[in-house]
């Protein structure tokens, strides 16, 4: 079992989720139950699955949850691309978030490789 609070990937993904919440507060109110909800759920899913996997008994189980977290990161990335294309996000906001997501995706993949070796 791993202490998820000490994992850099968990901390980085928590920071990303906080930033998604902060930025989506500025989205149009009619998107509250649509795109905003989807963005927030996928952002929260990343650290949540990392934490849940860390609490499992075996690295194989942890690896499965890391895979789910990675999938959620790609879901979030897609939703952010859409948000940028419809001008809900400025280019610099999108670029910052996208850079964070890419780094988290790399970290998850690297951690998965380490767990399974």
PDB file of N, CA and C in Angstrom:
ATOM      1  N   UNK A   1       0.839  -1.178   0.000  1.00  0.00           N
ATOM      2  CA  UNK A   1       0.000   0.000   0.000  1.00  0.00           C
ATOM      3  C   UNK A   1       0.887   1.244   0.000  1.00  0.00           C
ATOM      4  N   UNK A   2       0.484   2.233  -0.758  1.00  0.00           N
ATOM      5  CA  UNK A   2       1.243   3.481  -0.905  1.00  0.00           C
ATOM      6  C   UNK A   2       0.503   4.621  -0.214  1.00  0.00           C
ATOM      7  N   UNK A   3       1.249   5.593   0.274  1.00  0.00           N
ATOM      8  CA  UNK A   3       0.630   6.794   0.832  1.00  0.00           C
ATOM      9  C   UNK A   3       0.394   7.758  -0.325  1.00  0.00           C
ATOM     10  N   UNK A   4      -0.846   7.824  -0.796  1.00  0.00           N
ATOM     11  CA  UNK A   4      -1.148   8.614  -1.987  1.00  0.00           C
ATOM     12  C   UNK A   4      -0.822  10.091  -1.812  1.00  0.00           C
ATOM     13  N   UNK A   5      -0.914  10.608  -0.587  1.00  0.00           N
ATOM     14  CA  UNK A   5      -0.656  12.031  -0.352  1.00  0.00           C
ATOM     15  C   UNK A   5       0.806  12.405  -0.585  1.00  0.00           C
ATOM     16  N   UNK A   6       1.675  11.413  -0.594  1.00  0.00           N
ATOM     17  CA  UNK A   6       3.096  11.662  -0.836  1.00  0.00           C
ATOM     18  C   UNK A   6       3.480  11.489  -2.305  1.00  0.00           C
ATOM     19  N   UNK A   7       2.537  11.036  -3.125  1.00  0.00           N
ATOM     20  CA  UNK A   7       2.821  10.807  -4.540  1.00  0.00           C
ATOM     21  C   UNK A   7       2.732  12.111  -5.325  1.00  0.00           C
ATOM     22  N   UNK A   8       3.776  12.410  -6.078  1.00  0.00           N
ATOM     23  CA  UNK A   8       3.802  13.632  -6.874  1.00  0.00           C
ATOM     24  C   UNK A   8       2.667  13.631  -7.905  1.00  0.00           C
ATOM     25  N   UNK A   9       2.359  12.467  -8.479  1.00  0.00           N
ATOM     26  CA  UNK A   9       1.278  12.428  -9.472  1.00  0.00           C
ATOM     27  C   UNK A   9      -0.068  12.772  -8.838  1.00  0.00           C
ATOM     28  N   UNK A  10      -0.282  12.363  -7.602  1.00  0.00           N
ATOM     29  CA  UNK A  10      -1.532  12.709  -6.919  1.00  0.00           C
ATOM     30  C   UNK A  10      -1.581  14.213  -6.638  1.00  0.00           C
ATOM     31  N   UNK A  11      -0.487  14.763  -6.113  1.00  0.00           N
ATOM     32  CA  UNK A  11      -0.436  16.190  -5.812  1.00  0.00           C
ATOM     33  C   UNK A  11      -0.600  17.041  -7.063  1.00  0.00           C
ATOM     34  N   UNK A  12       0.069  16.662  -8.147  1.00  0.00           N
ATOM     35  CA  UNK A  12      -0.060  17.415  -9.390  1.00  0.00           C
ATOM     36  C   UNK A  12      -1.482  17.331  -9.947  1.00  0.00           C
ATOM     37  N   UNK A  13      -2.088  16.167  -9.843  1.00  0.00           N
ATOM     38  CA  UNK A  13      -3.444  16.022 -10.361  1.00  0.00           C
ATOM     39  C   UNK A  13      -4.459  16.746  -9.473  1.00  0.00           C
ATOM     40  N   UNK A  14      -4.198  16.850  -8.185  1.00  0.00           N
ATOM     41  CA  UNK A  14      -5.053  17.657  -7.310  1.00  0.00           C
ATOM     42  C   UNK A  14      -4.955  19.130  -7.697  1.00  0.00           C
ATOM     43  N   UNK A  15      -3.739  19.597  -7.958  1.00  0.00           N
ATOM     44  CA  UNK A  15      -3.551  20.986  -8.399  1.00  0.00           C
ATOM     45  C   UNK A  15      -4.301  21.243  -9.702  1.00  0.00           C
ATOM     46  N   UNK A  16      -4.243  20.285 -10.612  1.00  0.00           N
ATOM     47  CA  UNK A  16      -4.956  20.405 -11.881  1.00  0.00           C
ATOM     48  C   UNK A  16      -6.463  20.490 -11.651  1.00  0.00           C
ATOM     49  N   UNK A  17      -6.993  19.649 -10.794  1.00  0.00           N
ATOM     50  CA  UNK A  17      -8.433  19.660 -10.503  1.00  0.00           C
ATOM     51  C   UNK A  17      -8.858  21.006  -9.906  1.00  0.00           C
ATOM     52  N   UNK A  18      -8.056  21.541  -9.006  1.00  0.00           N
ATOM     53  CA  UNK A  18      -8.358  22.851  -8.407  1.00  0.00           C
ATOM     54  C   UNK A  18      -8.395  23.922  -9.500  1.00  0.00           C
ATOM     55  N   UNK A  19      -7.436  23.870 -10.407  1.00  0.00           N
ATOM     56  CA  UNK A  19      -7.381  24.856 -11.492  1.00  0.00           C
ATOM     57  C   UNK A  19      -8.579  24.716 -12.431  1.00  0.00           C
ATOM     58  N   UNK A  20      -8.992  23.494 -12.712  1.00  0.00           N
ATOM     59  CA  UNK A  20     -10.176  23.278 -13.549  1.00  0.00           C
ATOM     60  C   UNK A  20     -11.401  23.873 -12.869  1.00  0.00           C
ATOM     61  N   UNK A  21     -11.546  23.657 -11.578  1.00  0.00           N
ATOM     62  CA  UNK A  21     -12.675  24.246 -10.841  1.00  0.00           C
ATOM     63  C   UNK A  21     -12.625  25.771 -10.923  1.00  0.00           C
ATOM     64  N   UNK A  22     -11.452  26.322 -10.724  1.00  0.00           N
ATOM     65  CA  UNK A  22     -11.297  27.780 -10.738  1.00  0.00           C
ATOM     66  C   UNK A  22     -11.690  28.357 -12.098  1.00  0.00           C
ATOM     67  N   UNK A  23     -11.196  27.751 -13.154  1.00  0.00           N
ATOM     68  CA  UNK A  23     -11.465  28.279 -14.493  1.00  0.00           C
ATOM     69  C   UNK A  23     -12.907  28.048 -14.939  1.00  0.00           C
ATOM     70  N   UNK A  24     -13.485  26.924 -14.563  1.00  0.00           N
ATOM     71  CA  UNK A  24     -14.861  26.655 -14.997  1.00  0.00           C
ATOM     72  C   UNK A  24     -15.877  27.525 -14.262  1.00  0.00           C
ATOM     73  N   UNK A  25     -15.482  28.158 -13.171  1.00  0.00           N
ATOM     74  CA  UNK A  25     -16.368  29.123 -12.510  1.00  0.00           C
ATOM     75  C   UNK A  25     -16.700  30.295 -13.434  1.00  0.00           C
ATOM     76  N   UNK A  26     -15.843  30.501 -14.439  1.00  0.00           N
ATOM     77  CA  UNK A  26     -16.024  31.624 -15.362  1.00  0.00           C
ATOM     78  C   UNK A  26     -16.736  31.217 -16.654  1.00  0.00           C
ATOM     79  N   UNK A  27     -17.085  29.949 -16.783  1.00  0.00           N
ATOM     80  CA  UNK A  27     -17.806  29.495 -17.976  1.00  0.00           C
ATOM     81  C   UNK A  27     -19.239  30.026 -17.936  1.00  0.00           C
ATOM     82  N   UNK A  28     -19.904  30.102 -19.087  1.00  0.00           N
ATOM     83  CA  UNK A  28     -21.298  30.563 -19.106  1.00  0.00           C
ATOM     84  C   UNK A  28     -22.178  29.695 -18.204  1.00  0.00           C
ATOM     85  N   UNK A  29     -23.129  30.331 -17.531  1.00  0.00           N
ATOM     86  CA  UNK A  29     -23.981  29.614 -16.580  1.00  0.00           C
ATOM     87  C   UNK A  29     -24.785  28.497 -17.239  1.00  0.00           C
ATOM     88  N   UNK A  30     -25.113  28.630 -18.515  1.00  0.00           N
ATOM     89  CA  UNK A  30     -25.873  27.565 -19.183  1.00  0.00           C
ATOM     90  C   UNK A  30     -25.054  26.286 -19.368  1.00  0.00           C
ATOM     91  N   UNK A  31     -23.757  26.363 -19.141  1.00  0.00           N
ATOM     92  CA  UNK A  31     -22.896  25.180 -19.246  1.00  0.00           C
ATOM     93  C   UNK A  31     -22.711  24.470 -17.907  1.00  0.00           C
ATOM     94  N   UNK A  32     -23.311  24.988 -16.859  1.00  0.00           N
ATOM     95  CA  UNK A  32     -23.108  24.450 -15.508  1.00  0.00           C
ATOM     96  C   UNK A  32     -23.378  22.945 -15.426  1.00  0.00           C
ATOM     97  N   UNK A  33     -24.436  22.478 -16.065  1.00  0.00           N
ATOM     98  CA  UNK A  33     -24.804  21.066 -15.967  1.00  0.00           C
ATOM     99  C   UNK A  33     -24.352  20.266 -17.184  1.00  0.00           C
ATOM    100  N   UNK A  34     -23.594  20.884 -18.049  1.00  0.00           N
ATOM    101  CA  UNK A  34     -23.103  20.199 -19.249  1.00  0.00           C
ATOM    102  C   UNK A  34     -21.583  20.105 -19.206  1.00  0.00           C
ATOM    103  N   UNK A  35     -20.942  20.994 -19.928  1.00  0.00           N
ATOM    104  CA  UNK A  35     -19.491  20.922 -20.056  1.00  0.00           C
ATOM    105  C   UNK A  35     -18.773  21.141 -18.723  1.00  0.00           C
ATOM    106  N   UNK A  36     -19.231  22.060 -17.921  1.00  0.00           N
ATOM    107  CA  UNK A  36     -18.586  22.321 -16.623  1.00  0.00           C
ATOM    108  C   UNK A  36     -18.623  21.060 -15.757  1.00  0.00           C
ATOM    109  N   UNK A  37     -19.772  20.429 -15.713  1.00  0.00           N
ATOM    110  CA  UNK A  37     -19.913  19.206 -14.924  1.00  0.00           C
ATOM    111  C   UNK A  37     -18.977  18.109 -15.431  1.00  0.00           C
ATOM    112  N   UNK A  38     -18.899  17.947 -16.744  1.00  0.00           N
ATOM    113  CA  UNK A  38     -18.018  16.929 -17.337  1.00  0.00           C
ATOM    114  C   UNK A  38     -16.550  17.221 -17.041  1.00  0.00           C
ATOM    115  N   UNK A  39     -16.161  18.478 -17.202  1.00  0.00           N
ATOM    116  CA  UNK A  39     -14.777  18.869 -16.929  1.00  0.00           C
ATOM    117  C   UNK A  39     -14.399  18.588 -15.475  1.00  0.00           C
ATOM    118  N   UNK A  40     -15.268  18.968 -14.582  1.00  0.00           N
ATOM    119  CA  UNK A  40     -14.971  18.783 -13.164  1.00  0.00           C
ATOM    120  C   UNK A  40     -14.919  17.313 -12.782  1.00  0.00           C
ATOM    121  N   UNK A  41     -15.852  16.517 -13.308  1.00  0.00           N
ATOM    122  CA  UNK A  41     -15.850  15.090 -12.969  1.00  0.00           C
ATOM    123  C   UNK A  41     -14.595  14.394 -13.485  1.00  0.00           C
ATOM    124  N   UNK A  42     -14.195  14.697 -14.710  1.00  0.00           N
ATOM    125  CA  UNK A  42     -12.993  14.038 -15.226  1.00  0.00           C
ATOM    126  C   UNK A  42     -11.747  14.517 -14.495  1.00  0.00           C
ATOM    127  N   UNK A  43     -11.703  15.797 -14.119  1.00  0.00           N
ATOM    128  CA  UNK A  43     -10.551  16.323 -13.374  1.00  0.00           C
ATOM    129  C   UNK A  43     -10.448  15.673 -11.997  1.00  0.00           C
ATOM    130  N   UNK A  44     -11.573  15.526 -11.313  1.00  0.00           N
ATOM    131  CA  UNK A  44     -11.587  14.913  -9.979  1.00  0.00           C
ATOM    132  C   UNK A  44     -11.288  13.416 -10.058  1.00  0.00           C
ATOM    133  N   UNK A  45     -11.653  12.793 -11.144  1.00  0.00           N
ATOM    134  CA  UNK A  45     -11.438  11.365 -11.318  1.00  0.00           C
ATOM    135  C   UNK A  45      -9.949  10.993 -11.309  1.00  0.00           C
ATOM    136  N   UNK A  46      -9.112  11.869 -11.788  1.00  0.00           N
ATOM    137  CA  UNK A  46      -7.679  11.556 -11.879  1.00  0.00           C
ATOM    138  C   UNK A  46      -7.077  11.323 -10.486  1.00  0.00           C
ATOM    139  N   UNK A  47      -7.081  12.313  -9.583  1.00  0.00           N
ATOM    140  CA  UNK A  47      -6.496  12.051  -8.261  1.00  0.00           C
ATOM    141  C   UNK A  47      -7.289  11.030  -7.451  1.00  0.00           C
ATOM    142  N   UNK A  48      -8.606  10.973  -7.681  1.00  0.00           N
ATOM    143  CA  UNK A  48      -9.429  10.012  -6.943  1.00  0.00           C
ATOM    144  C   UNK A  48      -9.021   8.575  -7.258  1.00  0.00           C
ATOM    145  N   UNK A  49      -8.792   8.283  -8.531  1.00  0.00           N
ATOM    146  CA  UNK A  49      -8.388   6.928  -8.909  1.00  0.00           C
ATOM    147  C   UNK A  49      -6.962   6.614  -8.482  1.00  0.00           C
ATOM    148  N   UNK A  50      -6.104   7.609  -8.491  1.00  0.00           N
ATOM    149  CA  UNK A  50      -4.746   7.400  -7.978  1.00  0.00           C
ATOM    150  C   UNK A  50      -4.812   7.038  -6.492  1.00  0.00           C
ATOM    151  N   UNK A  51      -5.620   7.782  -5.740  1.00  0.00           N
ATOM    152  CA  UNK A  51      -5.763   7.520  -4.300  1.00  0.00           C
ATOM    153  C   UNK A  51      -6.377   6.146  -4.053  1.00  0.00           C
ATOM    154  N   UNK A  52      -7.425   5.813  -4.795  1.00  0.00           N
ATOM    155  CA  UNK A  52      -8.067   4.513  -4.593  1.00  0.00           C
ATOM    156  C   UNK A  52      -7.107   3.374  -4.914  1.00  0.00           C
ATOM    157  N   UNK A  53      -6.373   3.515  -6.001  1.00  0.00           N
ATOM    158  CA  UNK A  53      -5.408   2.481  -6.360  1.00  0.00           C
ATOM    159  C   UNK A  53      -4.309   2.328  -5.334  1.00  0.00           C
ATOM    160  N   UNK A  54      -3.862   3.458  -4.773  1.00  0.00           N
ATOM    161  CA  UNK A  54      -2.811   3.414  -3.759  1.00  0.00           C
ATOM    162  C   UNK A  54      -3.259   2.645  -2.526  1.00  0.00           C
ATOM    163  N   UNK A  55      -4.553   2.628  -2.281  1.00  0.00           N
ATOM    164  CA  UNK A  55      -5.081   1.934  -1.116  1.00  0.00           C
ATOM    165  C   UNK A  55      -5.324   0.450  -1.335  1.00  0.00           C
ATOM    166  N   UNK A  56      -5.092  -0.029  -2.527  1.00  0.00           N
ATOM    167  CA  UNK A  56      -5.301  -1.449  -2.825  1.00  0.00           C
ATOM    168  C   UNK A  56      -4.140  -2.286  -2.310  1.00  0.00           C
ATOM    169  N   UNK A  57      -4.366  -3.578  -2.253  1.00  0.00           N
ATOM    170  CA  UNK A  57      -3.378  -4.478  -1.649  1.00  0.00           C
ATOM    171  C   UNK A  57      -2.237  -4.874  -2.571  1.00  0.00           C
ATOM    172  N   UNK A  58      -2.448  -4.810  -3.864  1.00  0.00           N
ATOM    173  CA  UNK A  58      -1.434  -5.298  -4.803  1.00  0.00           C
ATOM    174  C   UNK A  58      -1.144  -4.263  -5.879  1.00  0.00           C
ATOM    175  N   UNK A  59       0.092  -4.275  -6.351  1.00  0.00           N
ATOM    176  CA  UNK A  59       0.490  -3.342  -7.400  1.00  0.00           C
ATOM    177  C   UNK A  59      -0.311  -3.533  -8.677  1.00  0.00           C
ATOM    178  N   UNK A  60      -0.730  -4.762  -8.952  1.00  0.00           N
ATOM    179  CA  UNK A  60      -1.538  -5.005 -10.154  1.00  0.00           C
ATOM    180  C   UNK A  60      -2.855  -4.224 -10.079  1.00  0.00           C
ATOM    181  N   UNK A  61      -3.465  -4.206  -8.897  1.00  0.00           N
ATOM    182  CA  UNK A  61      -4.702  -3.438  -8.712  1.00  0.00           C
ATOM    183  C   UNK A  61      -4.420  -1.938  -8.834  1.00  0.00           C
ATOM    184  N   UNK A  62      -3.325  -1.495  -8.235  1.00  0.00           N
ATOM    185  CA  UNK A  62      -2.947  -0.084  -8.309  1.00  0.00           C
ATOM    186  C   UNK A  62      -2.764   0.304  -9.772  1.00  0.00           C
ATOM    187  N   UNK A  63      -2.113  -0.552 -10.531  1.00  0.00           N
ATOM    188  CA  UNK A  63      -1.879  -0.299 -11.948  1.00  0.00           C
ATOM    189  C   UNK A  63      -3.197  -0.106 -12.701  1.00  0.00           C
ATOM    190  N   UNK A  64      -4.201  -0.907 -12.366  1.00  0.00           N
ATOM    191  CA  UNK A  64      -5.520  -0.772 -13.006  1.00  0.00           C
ATOM    192  C   UNK A  64      -6.107   0.612 -12.743  1.00  0.00           C
ATOM    193  N   UNK A  65      -6.038   1.075 -11.511  1.00  0.00           N
ATOM    194  CA  UNK A  65      -6.589   2.382 -11.172  1.00  0.00           C
ATOM    195  C   UNK A  65      -5.784   3.511 -11.797  1.00  0.00           C
ATOM    196  N   UNK A  66      -4.477   3.311 -11.934  1.00  0.00           N
ATOM    197  CA  UNK A  66      -3.668   4.305 -12.645  1.00  0.00           C
ATOM    198  C   UNK A  66      -4.111   4.392 -14.105  1.00  0.00           C
ATOM    199  N   UNK A  67      -4.464   3.246 -14.693  1.00  0.00           N
ATOM    200  CA  UNK A  67      -4.965   3.239 -16.062  1.00  0.00           C
ATOM    201  C   UNK A  67      -6.270   4.013 -16.192  1.00  0.00           C
ATOM    202  N   UNK A  68      -7.133   3.870 -15.207  1.00  0.00           N
ATOM    203  CA  UNK A  68      -8.395   4.618 -15.205  1.00  0.00           C
ATOM    204  C   UNK A  68      -8.107   6.117 -15.066  1.00  0.00           C
ATOM    205  N   UNK A  69      -7.171   6.466 -14.179  1.00  0.00           N
ATOM    206  CA  UNK A  69      -6.795   7.875 -13.998  1.00  0.00           C
ATOM    207  C   UNK A  69      -6.234   8.443 -15.295  1.00  0.00           C
ATOM    208  N   UNK A  70      -5.420   7.664 -15.968  1.00  0.00           N
ATOM    209  CA  UNK A  70      -4.842   8.114 -17.244  1.00  0.00           C
ATOM    210  C   UNK A  70      -5.946   8.314 -18.282  1.00  0.00           C
ATOM    211  N   UNK A  71      -6.899   7.392 -18.324  1.00  0.00           N
ATOM    212  CA  UNK A  71      -8.034   7.543 -19.240  1.00  0.00           C
ATOM    213  C   UNK A  71      -8.815   8.812 -18.945  1.00  0.00           C
ATOM    214  N   UNK A  72      -9.026   9.099 -17.672  1.00  0.00           N
ATOM    215  CA  UNK A  72      -9.725  10.334 -17.286  1.00  0.00           C
ATOM    216  C   UNK A  72      -8.942  11.564 -17.716  1.00  0.00           C
ATOM    217  N   UNK A  73      -7.623  11.469 -17.703  1.00  0.00           N
ATOM    218  CA  UNK A  73      -6.810  12.610 -18.132  1.00  0.00           C
ATOM    219  C   UNK A  73      -7.002  12.890 -19.622  1.00  0.00           C
ATOM    220  N   UNK A  74      -7.163  11.838 -20.418  1.00  0.00           N
ATOM    221  CA  UNK A  74      -7.418  12.034 -21.850  1.00  0.00           C
ATOM    222  C   UNK A  74      -8.831  12.565 -22.083  1.00  0.00           C
ATOM    223  N   UNK A  75      -9.766  12.135 -21.263  1.00  0.00           N
ATOM    224  CA  UNK A  75     -11.129  12.671 -21.327  1.00  0.00           C
ATOM    225  C   UNK A  75     -11.101  14.170 -21.012  1.00  0.00           C
ATOM    226  N   UNK A  76     -10.401  14.544 -19.947  1.00  0.00           N
ATOM    227  CA  UNK A  76     -10.277  15.943 -19.574  1.00  0.00           C
ATOM    228  C   UNK A  76      -9.595  16.742 -20.681  1.00  0.00           C
ATOM    229  N   UNK A  77      -8.560  16.187 -21.259  1.00  0.00           N
ATOM    230  CA  UNK A  77      -7.846  16.874 -22.335  1.00  0.00           C
ATOM    231  C   UNK A  77      -8.786  17.171 -23.508  1.00  0.00           C
ATOM    232  N   UNK A  78      -9.608  16.205 -23.864  1.00  0.00           N
ATOM    233  CA  UNK A  78     -10.565  16.389 -24.955  1.00  0.00           C
ATOM    234  C   UNK A  78     -11.557  17.497 -24.632  1.00  0.00           C
ATOM    235  N   UNK A  79     -12.048  17.504 -23.410  1.00  0.00           N
ATOM    236  CA  UNK A  79     -13.019  18.525 -23.004  1.00  0.00           C
ATOM    237  C   UNK A  79     -12.388  19.912 -22.970  1.00  0.00           C
ATOM    238  N   UNK A  80     -11.119  19.979 -22.615  1.00  0.00           N
ATOM    239  CA  UNK A  80     -10.424  21.264 -22.615  1.00  0.00           C
ATOM    240  C   UNK A  80     -10.162  21.754 -24.035  1.00  0.00           C
ATOM    241  N   UNK A  81      -9.867  20.839 -24.935  1.00  0.00           N
ATOM    242  CA  UNK A  81      -9.707  21.219 -26.347  1.00  0.00           C
ATOM    243  C   UNK A  81     -11.012  21.815 -26.860  1.00  0.00           C
ATOM    244  N   UNK A  82     -12.115  21.164 -26.548  1.00  0.00           N
ATOM    245  CA  UNK A  82     -13.423  21.687 -26.947  1.00  0.00           C
ATOM    246  C   UNK A  82     -13.662  23.063 -26.326  1.00  0.00           C
ATOM    247  N   UNK A  83     -13.372  23.192 -25.040  1.00  0.00           N
ATOM    248  CA  UNK A  83     -13.554  24.476 -24.357  1.00  0.00           C
ATOM    249  C   UNK A  83     -12.732  25.578 -25.008  1.00  0.00           C
ATOM    250  N   UNK A  84     -11.556  25.238 -25.440  1.00  0.00           N
ATOM    251  CA  UNK A  84     -10.700  26.208 -26.120  1.00  0.00           C
ATOM    252  C   UNK A  84     -11.260  26.559 -27.501  1.00  0.00           C
ATOM    253  N   UNK A  85     -11.698  25.545 -28.222  1.00  0.00           N
ATOM    254  CA  UNK A  85     -12.231  25.787 -29.579  1.00  0.00           C
ATOM    255  C   UNK A  85     -13.492  26.636 -29.580  1.00  0.00           C
ATOM    256  N   UNK A  86     -14.283  26.561 -28.519  1.00  0.00           N
ATOM    257  CA  UNK A  86     -15.500  27.374 -28.453  1.00  0.00           C
ATOM    258  C   UNK A  86     -15.268  28.640 -27.628  1.00  0.00           C
ATOM    259  N   UNK A  87     -13.996  28.933 -27.387  1.00  0.00           N
ATOM    260  CA  UNK A  87     -13.546  30.185 -26.756  1.00  0.00           C
ATOM    261  C   UNK A  87     -14.000  30.368 -25.312  1.00  0.00           C
ATOM    262  N   UNK A  88     -14.175  29.258 -24.584  1.00  0.00           N
ATOM    263  CA  UNK A  88     -14.434  29.353 -23.152  1.00  0.00           C
ATOM    264  C   UNK A  88     -13.118  29.482 -22.380  1.00  0.00           C
ATOM    265  N   UNK A  89     -12.021  29.081 -23.019  1.00  0.00           N
ATOM    266  CA  UNK A  89     -10.687  29.209 -22.428  1.00  0.00           C
ATOM    267  C   UNK A  89      -9.814  30.049 -23.353  1.00  0.00           C
ATOM    268  N   UNK A  90      -8.999  30.889 -22.762  1.00  0.00           N
ATOM    269  CA  UNK A  90      -8.008  31.636 -23.533  1.00  0.00           C
ATOM    270  C   UNK A  90      -6.878  30.682 -23.890  1.00  0.00           C
ATOM    271  N   UNK A  91      -6.127  31.018 -24.931  1.00  0.00           N
ATOM    272  CA  UNK A  91      -5.022  30.161 -25.388  1.00  0.00           C
ATOM    273  C   UNK A  91      -4.026  29.868 -24.271  1.00  0.00           C
ATOM    274  N   UNK A  92      -3.668  30.889 -23.501  1.00  0.00           N
ATOM    275  CA  UNK A  92      -2.675  30.672 -22.439  1.00  0.00           C
ATOM    276  C   UNK A  92      -3.227  29.778 -21.331  1.00  0.00           C
ATOM    277  N   UNK A  93      -4.517  29.895 -21.040  1.00  0.00           N
ATOM    278  CA  UNK A  93      -5.133  29.007 -20.048  1.00  0.00           C
ATOM    279  C   UNK A  93      -5.116  27.566 -20.540  1.00  0.00           C
ATOM    280  N   UNK A  94      -5.510  27.390 -21.792  1.00  0.00           N
ATOM    281  CA  UNK A  94      -5.510  26.048 -22.365  1.00  0.00           C
ATOM    282  C   UNK A  94      -4.104  25.466 -22.380  1.00  0.00           C
ATOM    283  N   UNK A  95      -3.133  26.243 -22.829  1.00  0.00           N
ATOM    284  CA  UNK A  95      -1.758  25.743 -22.927  1.00  0.00           C
ATOM    285  C   UNK A  95      -1.208  25.322 -21.566  1.00  0.00           C
ATOM    286  N   UNK A  96      -1.518  26.100 -20.540  1.00  0.00           N
ATOM    287  CA  UNK A  96      -1.051  25.763 -19.193  1.00  0.00           C
ATOM    288  C   UNK A  96      -1.684  24.449 -18.720  1.00  0.00           C
ATOM    289  N   UNK A  97      -3.001  24.335 -18.874  1.00  0.00           N
ATOM    290  CA  UNK A  97      -3.691  23.115 -18.454  1.00  0.00           C
ATOM    291  C   UNK A  97      -3.231  21.911 -19.270  1.00  0.00           C
ATOM    292  N   UNK A  98      -3.094  22.108 -20.569  1.00  0.00           N
ATOM    293  CA  UNK A  98      -2.687  21.006 -21.435  1.00  0.00           C
ATOM    294  C   UNK A  98      -1.282  20.520 -21.088  1.00  0.00           C
ATOM    295  N   UNK A  99      -0.405  21.456 -20.749  1.00  0.00           N
ATOM    296  CA  UNK A  99       0.947  21.076 -20.317  1.00  0.00           C
ATOM    297  C   UNK A  99       0.910  20.257 -19.033  1.00  0.00           C
ATOM    298  N   UNK A 100       0.055  20.650 -18.109  1.00  0.00           N
ATOM    299  CA  UNK A 100      -0.092  19.900 -16.853  1.00  0.00           C
ATOM    300  C   UNK A 100      -0.626  18.496 -17.112  1.00  0.00           C
ATOM    301  N   UNK A 101      -1.612  18.400 -17.979  1.00  0.00           N
ATOM    302  CA  UNK A 101      -2.188  17.093 -18.302  1.00  0.00           C
ATOM    303  C   UNK A 101      -1.153  16.188 -18.957  1.00  0.00           C
ATOM    304  N   UNK A 102      -0.409  16.728 -19.900  1.00  0.00           N
ATOM    305  CA  UNK A 102       0.621  15.937 -20.581  1.00  0.00           C
ATOM    306  C   UNK A 102       1.647  15.408 -19.585  1.00  0.00           C
ATOM    307  N   UNK A 103       2.052  16.265 -18.656  1.00  0.00           N
ATOM    308  CA  UNK A 103       3.025  15.848 -17.633  1.00  0.00           C
ATOM    309  C   UNK A 103       2.432  14.756 -16.739  1.00  0.00           C
ATOM    310  N   UNK A 104       1.192  14.907 -16.338  1.00  0.00           N
ATOM    311  CA  UNK A 104       0.534  13.898 -15.503  1.00  0.00           C
ATOM    312  C   UNK A 104       0.411  12.585 -16.263  1.00  0.00           C
ATOM    313  N   UNK A 105       0.076  12.641 -17.534  1.00  0.00           N
ATOM    314  CA  UNK A 105      -0.020  11.422 -18.348  1.00  0.00           C
ATOM    315  C   UNK A 105       1.330  10.704 -18.406  1.00  0.00           C
ATOM    316  N   UNK A 106       2.400  11.465 -18.587  1.00  0.00           N
ATOM    317  CA  UNK A 106       3.753  10.865 -18.611  1.00  0.00           C
ATOM    318  C   UNK A 106       4.096  10.248 -17.259  1.00  0.00           C
ATOM    319  N   UNK A 107       3.773  10.955 -16.200  1.00  0.00           N
ATOM    320  CA  UNK A 107       4.078  10.467 -14.855  1.00  0.00           C
ATOM    321  C   UNK A 107       3.309   9.181 -14.556  1.00  0.00           C
ATOM    322  N   UNK A 108       2.046   9.139 -14.941  1.00  0.00           N
ATOM    323  CA  UNK A 108       1.248   7.936 -14.699  1.00  0.00           C
ATOM    324  C   UNK A 108       1.831   6.766 -15.473  1.00  0.00           C
ATOM    325  N   UNK A 109       2.151   6.982 -16.744  1.00  0.00           N
ATOM    326  CA  UNK A 109       2.724   5.902 -17.554  1.00  0.00           C
ATOM    327  C   UNK A 109       4.036   5.397 -16.962  1.00  0.00           C
ATOM    328  N   UNK A 110       4.878   6.330 -16.525  1.00  0.00           N
ATOM    329  CA  UNK A 110       6.147   5.945 -15.916  1.00  0.00           C
ATOM    330  C   UNK A 110       5.952   5.176 -14.623  1.00  0.00           C
ATOM    331  N   UNK A 111       4.995   5.613 -13.825  1.00  0.00           N
ATOM    332  CA  UNK A 111       4.719   4.937 -12.562  1.00  0.00           C
ATOM    333  C   UNK A 111       4.141   3.555 -12.807  1.00  0.00           C
ATOM    334  N   UNK A 112       3.302   3.418 -13.822  1.00  0.00           N
ATOM    335  CA  UNK A 112       2.766   2.109 -14.172  1.00  0.00           C
ATOM    336  C   UNK A 112       3.888   1.155 -14.561  1.00  0.00           C
ATOM    337  N   UNK A 113       4.826   1.638 -15.361  1.00  0.00           N
ATOM    338  CA  UNK A 113       5.966   0.800 -15.763  1.00  0.00           C
ATOM    339  C   UNK A 113       6.777   0.364 -14.559  1.00  0.00           C
ATOM    340  N   UNK A 114       7.000   1.299 -13.641  1.00  0.00           N
ATOM    341  CA  UNK A 114       7.770   1.001 -12.434  1.00  0.00           C
ATOM    342  C   UNK A 114       7.043  -0.034 -11.563  1.00  0.00           C
ATOM    343  N   UNK A 115       5.738   0.117 -11.421  1.00  0.00           N
ATOM    344  CA  UNK A 115       4.961  -0.817 -10.597  1.00  0.00           C
ATOM    345  C   UNK A 115       5.016  -2.245 -11.134  1.00  0.00           C
ATOM    346  N   UNK A 116       4.997  -2.363 -12.440  1.00  0.00           N
ATOM    347  CA  UNK A 116       4.887  -3.686 -13.053  1.00  0.00           C
ATOM    348  C   UNK A 116       6.248  -4.334 -13.345  1.00  0.00           C
ATOM    349  N   UNK A 117       7.338  -3.614 -13.036  1.00  0.00           N
ATOM    350  CA  UNK A 117       8.663  -4.214 -13.295  1.00  0.00           C
ATOM    351  C   UNK A 117       9.158  -5.039 -12.138  1.00  0.00           C
TER     352      UNK A 117
END
